[in-house]
Amino acid sequence: MDVDPATPPDVDAILDIVRATGVFTGEETVVAREVLEEAVKGPGETTYRALAARVEGRVVGYILYGATPMTQGTYDLYWMAVDPGVQGGGIGRRLVSAMEARVAAEGGRVVRVETSSLPEYDATRAFYDRVGYPETSRIRDFYWPGNDLCTHVKWLGGEGSGFARAGAGR
């Protein structure tokens, strides 16, 4: 499996994967396309970055991330999806590792992920926890009543969790 920058010809295959997961709404899929089309313009054109995982040349997953505006060294993991037919084979973990390596190379120190509390996202939240992104906060009824915003965070560079550091002296 290879992980490399997503390109404009990858957009439709990636969106097929987004739809196939069955967890994103139609509105979310429209936004996924908009942000992905921005990301594949490449560095210098946008702060969004997208990586595609390929098996024998076929796109089987992607991750989209970018520097968080008005912060220093903070990044957001905005979107991620793996073809349901190959989930559980380590593709998501490889995508996250590749993103983290690139973020660290750009001087990134922390990555934040926001996701939903709905039951269809249980596996997503468990995945983030397994790859070192514990849930750090939850805002009740954020998206709509009964759908909380769950924030997962990872500090890069072996500095520890950062939680004690962030709250020290406050």
Foldseek 3Di string as FASTA:
>chain_A
DDKDWDAVVCLVLALVQVVQLVPDDPVRSVVVSVLSVQQNVDPPSDQKTKMFDDDVRRTFKMWIKGADPPDFQEMEGEDIGGRPVCPPVCPRVVRVVVVLVVSVVVVHFKYKYKDKPDPSCPVVQVVCVVSAWHFDDWDAQPVHHPIIITMTMHTPDPPPRCPCVVPPPD
